[in-house]
Amino acid sequence: MIGVVLGSRSDLAALQPAVRVLDEFQVPYEVTVASAHRSPERAAAYARTARERGLKVIVAAAGAAAHLAGVLASHTTLPVVGLPLSGSPLGGVDALYATVQMPPGVPVATVGVDAAANAALLALRILGGTDPGLAARLEAYRQNLAAKVEEQDRELAEGGWRR
């Protein structure tokens, strides 16, 4: 199971692509709100009890200072995927830097700004390392992406670029 933590309920819309991916792969997940700054004890408790609840990976979505992923990672040994969000005046670059620049010993895997689908896919790949069925579904997904590129190339070769 995957835990998805939002720094604020206002981040929910940005998370929809991740939820769609998790639903598509039929992997169970839970979504909660916990702020690294406004509810630090809640965030810490969530991370400390994640394994007991059956979580295998945590995705943490936050913008601006974006300390959520690091706070969660500091309280668990589960993999944490940081999802920096663009909701700040700096367009998410602040969140990206805050999420990716972790001190030694507190790793956070980080995807691009607002890359919610990739955050979910990375979490699924982590789970797929020990789940052959999920790994097979991920491989089929990857092959489908490649097939779409091949189809686009065929359309271009047939003069579709002129349309």
Protein backbone atom coordinates (compact mmCIF):
# COMPACT_ATOMS: atom_id res chain seq x y z
CA MET A 1 0.00 0.00 0.00
CA ILE A 2 1.11 3.55 -0.75
CA GLY A 3 0.67 6.49 1.58
CA VAL A 4 0.04 9.85 -0.05
CA VAL A 5 0.55 12.86 2.18
CA LEU A 6 -0.46 16.39 1.22
CA GLY A 7 0.91 19.45 2.94
CA SER A 8 -2.49 21.09 2.55
CA ARG A 9 -5.91 20.13 1.24
CA SER A 10 -5.43 22.81 -1.42
CA ASP A 11 -2.78 20.48 -2.93
CA LEU A 12 -5.42 17.84 -3.73
CA ALA A 13 -6.07 19.03 -7.29
CA ALA A 14 -2.36 18.75 -8.16
CA LEU A 15 -2.39 15.19 -6.88
CA GLN A 16 -5.18 13.92 -9.17
CA PRO A 17 -2.83 12.52 -11.85
CA ALA A 18 -1.16 10.36 -9.18
CA VAL A 19 -4.49 9.08 -7.91
CA ARG A 20 -5.53 8.18 -11.46
CA VAL A 21 -2.32 6.17 -11.95
CA LEU A 22 -2.74 4.34 -8.63
CA ASP A 23 -6.37 3.58 -9.49
CA GLU A 24 -5.36 2.35 -12.97
CA PHE A 25 -2.87 -0.08 -11.44
CA GLN A 26 -5.36 -1.06 -8.71
CA VAL A 27 -2.83 -0.55 -5.94
CA PRO A 28 -4.31 0.40 -2.58
CA TYR A 29 -3.41 3.78 -1.13
CA GLU A 30 -4.44 6.20 1.54
CA VAL A 31 -4.46 9.99 1.33
CA THR A 32 -3.97 12.27 4.31
CA VAL A 33 -3.07 15.88 5.09
CA ALA A 34 -0.15 16.59 7.40
CA SER A 35 1.93 19.74 7.34
CA ALA A 36 5.63 19.80 8.16
CA HIS A 37 5.16 23.26 9.65
CA ARG A 38 1.57 23.55 10.86
CA SER A 39 1.20 20.01 12.22
CA PRO A 40 4.73 18.61 12.62
CA GLU A 41 3.73 16.09 15.28
CA ARG A 42 0.98 14.72 13.01
CA ALA A 43 3.46 14.36 10.14
CA ALA A 44 6.01 12.63 12.36
CA ALA A 45 3.41 10.26 13.81
CA TYR A 46 2.15 9.41 10.32
CA ALA A 47 5.66 8.42 9.23
CA ARG A 48 6.47 6.53 12.43
CA THR A 49 3.30 4.39 12.16
CA ALA A 50 3.27 3.95 8.37
CA ARG A 51 4.84 0.48 8.35
CA GLU A 52 2.35 -0.75 10.99
CA ARG A 53 -0.49 0.31 8.68
CA GLY A 54 0.97 -1.74 5.86
CA LEU A 55 2.49 1.09 3.86
CA LYS A 56 5.48 0.25 1.67
CA VAL A 57 6.13 3.69 0.11
CA ILE A 58 5.15 7.25 0.96
CA VAL A 59 4.54 10.01 -1.59
CA ALA A 60 4.77 13.49 -0.07
CA ALA A 61 3.34 16.45 -2.02
CA ALA A 62 4.11 19.98 -0.88
CA GLY A 63 4.91 23.39 -2.30
CA ALA A 64 6.90 26.46 -1.24
CA ALA A 65 9.26 25.46 1.59
CA ALA A 66 8.27 21.82 0.91
CA HIS A 67 9.85 20.25 3.97
CA LEU A 68 7.17 17.55 4.18
CA ALA A 69 9.04 14.79 2.34
CA GLY A 70 12.17 15.34 4.42
CA VAL A 71 10.26 15.40 7.70
CA LEU A 72 8.51 12.15 6.80
CA ALA A 73 11.79 10.55 5.67
CA SER A 74 13.42 11.51 8.95
CA HIS A 75 10.83 9.47 10.87
CA THR A 76 10.72 6.26 8.78
CA THR A 77 12.94 3.90 6.84
CA LEU A 78 10.29 3.45 4.15
CA PRO A 79 11.07 4.97 0.75
CA VAL A 80 9.72 8.51 0.43
CA VAL A 81 8.99 10.06 -2.95
CA GLY A 82 8.90 13.84 -2.84
CA LEU A 83 6.51 15.64 -5.16
CA PRO A 84 7.32 19.36 -5.27
CA LEU A 85 4.35 21.54 -6.20
CA SER A 86 4.27 24.83 -8.10
CA GLY A 87 1.86 26.79 -5.93
CA SER A 88 4.36 29.45 -4.85
CA PRO A 89 5.45 32.76 -6.41
CA LEU A 90 8.67 31.00 -7.47
CA GLY A 91 6.72 28.50 -9.57
CA GLY A 92 7.85 25.45 -7.62
CA VAL A 93 11.60 25.85 -7.95
CA ASP A 94 11.72 26.54 -4.20
CA ALA A 95 9.79 23.34 -3.54
CA LEU A 96 12.04 21.38 -5.89
CA TYR A 97 15.21 22.55 -4.17
CA ALA A 98 13.77 21.96 -0.70
CA THR A 99 12.70 18.44 -1.64
CA VAL A 100 15.81 17.32 -3.48
CA GLN A 101 18.45 18.84 -1.16
CA MET A 102 18.34 16.43 1.76
CA PRO A 103 21.16 15.92 4.26
CA PRO A 104 23.16 12.69 4.23
CA GLY A 105 21.26 9.81 5.78
CA VAL A 106 17.76 11.16 5.01
CA PRO A 107 17.15 10.28 1.36
CA VAL A 108 14.10 11.45 -0.56
CA ALA A 109 13.53 10.36 -4.15
CA THR A 110 12.31 13.45 -5.97
CA VAL A 111 10.31 13.86 -9.16
CA GLY A 112 9.76 17.03 -11.16
CA VAL A 113 7.56 19.93 -10.15
CA ASP A 114 3.88 18.92 -10.39
CA ALA A 115 4.90 15.49 -11.77
CA ALA A 116 2.23 13.66 -9.78
CA ALA A 117 1.85 10.82 -12.27
CA ASN A 118 5.59 10.18 -12.18
CA ALA A 119 5.53 10.20 -8.37
CA ALA A 120 2.90 7.46 -8.45
CA LEU A 121 4.76 5.51 -11.12
CA LEU A 122 8.00 5.69 -9.12
CA ALA A 123 6.19 4.43 -6.02
CA LEU A 124 4.72 1.60 -8.12
CA ARG A 125 8.15 0.70 -9.47
CA ILE A 126 9.46 0.49 -5.93
CA LEU A 127 6.62 -1.88 -5.05
CA GLY A 128 7.14 -3.78 -8.30
CA GLY A 129 10.59 -4.81 -7.10
CA THR A 130 8.94 -7.37 -4.84
CA ASP A 131 5.61 -7.88 -6.63
CA PRO A 132 5.96 -9.79 -9.92
CA GLY A 133 2.33 -9.13 -10.93
CA LEU A 134 2.74 -5.39 -10.51
CA ALA A 135 6.09 -5.52 -12.31
CA ALA A 136 4.38 -7.20 -15.27
CA ARG A 137 1.64 -4.54 -15.35
CA LEU A 138 4.31 -1.82 -15.25
CA GLU A 139 6.14 -3.48 -18.15
CA ALA A 140 2.89 -3.59 -20.16
CA TYR A 141 2.38 0.11 -19.37
CA ARG A 142 5.91 0.89 -20.54
CA GLN A 143 5.39 -1.07 -23.75
CA ASN A 144 2.12 0.77 -24.37
CA LEU A 145 3.94 4.10 -24.10
CA ALA A 146 6.48 2.89 -26.65
CA ALA A 147 3.70 1.70 -28.98
CA LYS A 148 2.10 5.15 -28.86
CA VAL A 149 5.39 6.73 -29.93
CA GLU A 150 5.67 4.22 -32.80
CA GLU A 151 2.13 5.09 -33.90
CA GLN A 152 2.92 8.82 -33.83
CA ASP A 153 6.01 8.18 -35.93
CA ARG A 154 3.98 6.15 -38.48
CA GLU A 155 1.45 8.99 -38.74
CA LEU A 156 4.27 11.48 -39.33
CA ALA A 157 5.85 9.22 -41.97
CA GLU A 158 2.52 9.05 -43.79
CA GLY A 159 2.43 12.83 -44.15
CA GLY A 160 0.47 13.57 -41.00
CA TRP A 161 2.81 16.40 -40.15
CA ARG A 162 1.37 18.45 -43.01
CA ARG A 163 -2.14 18.44 -41.49
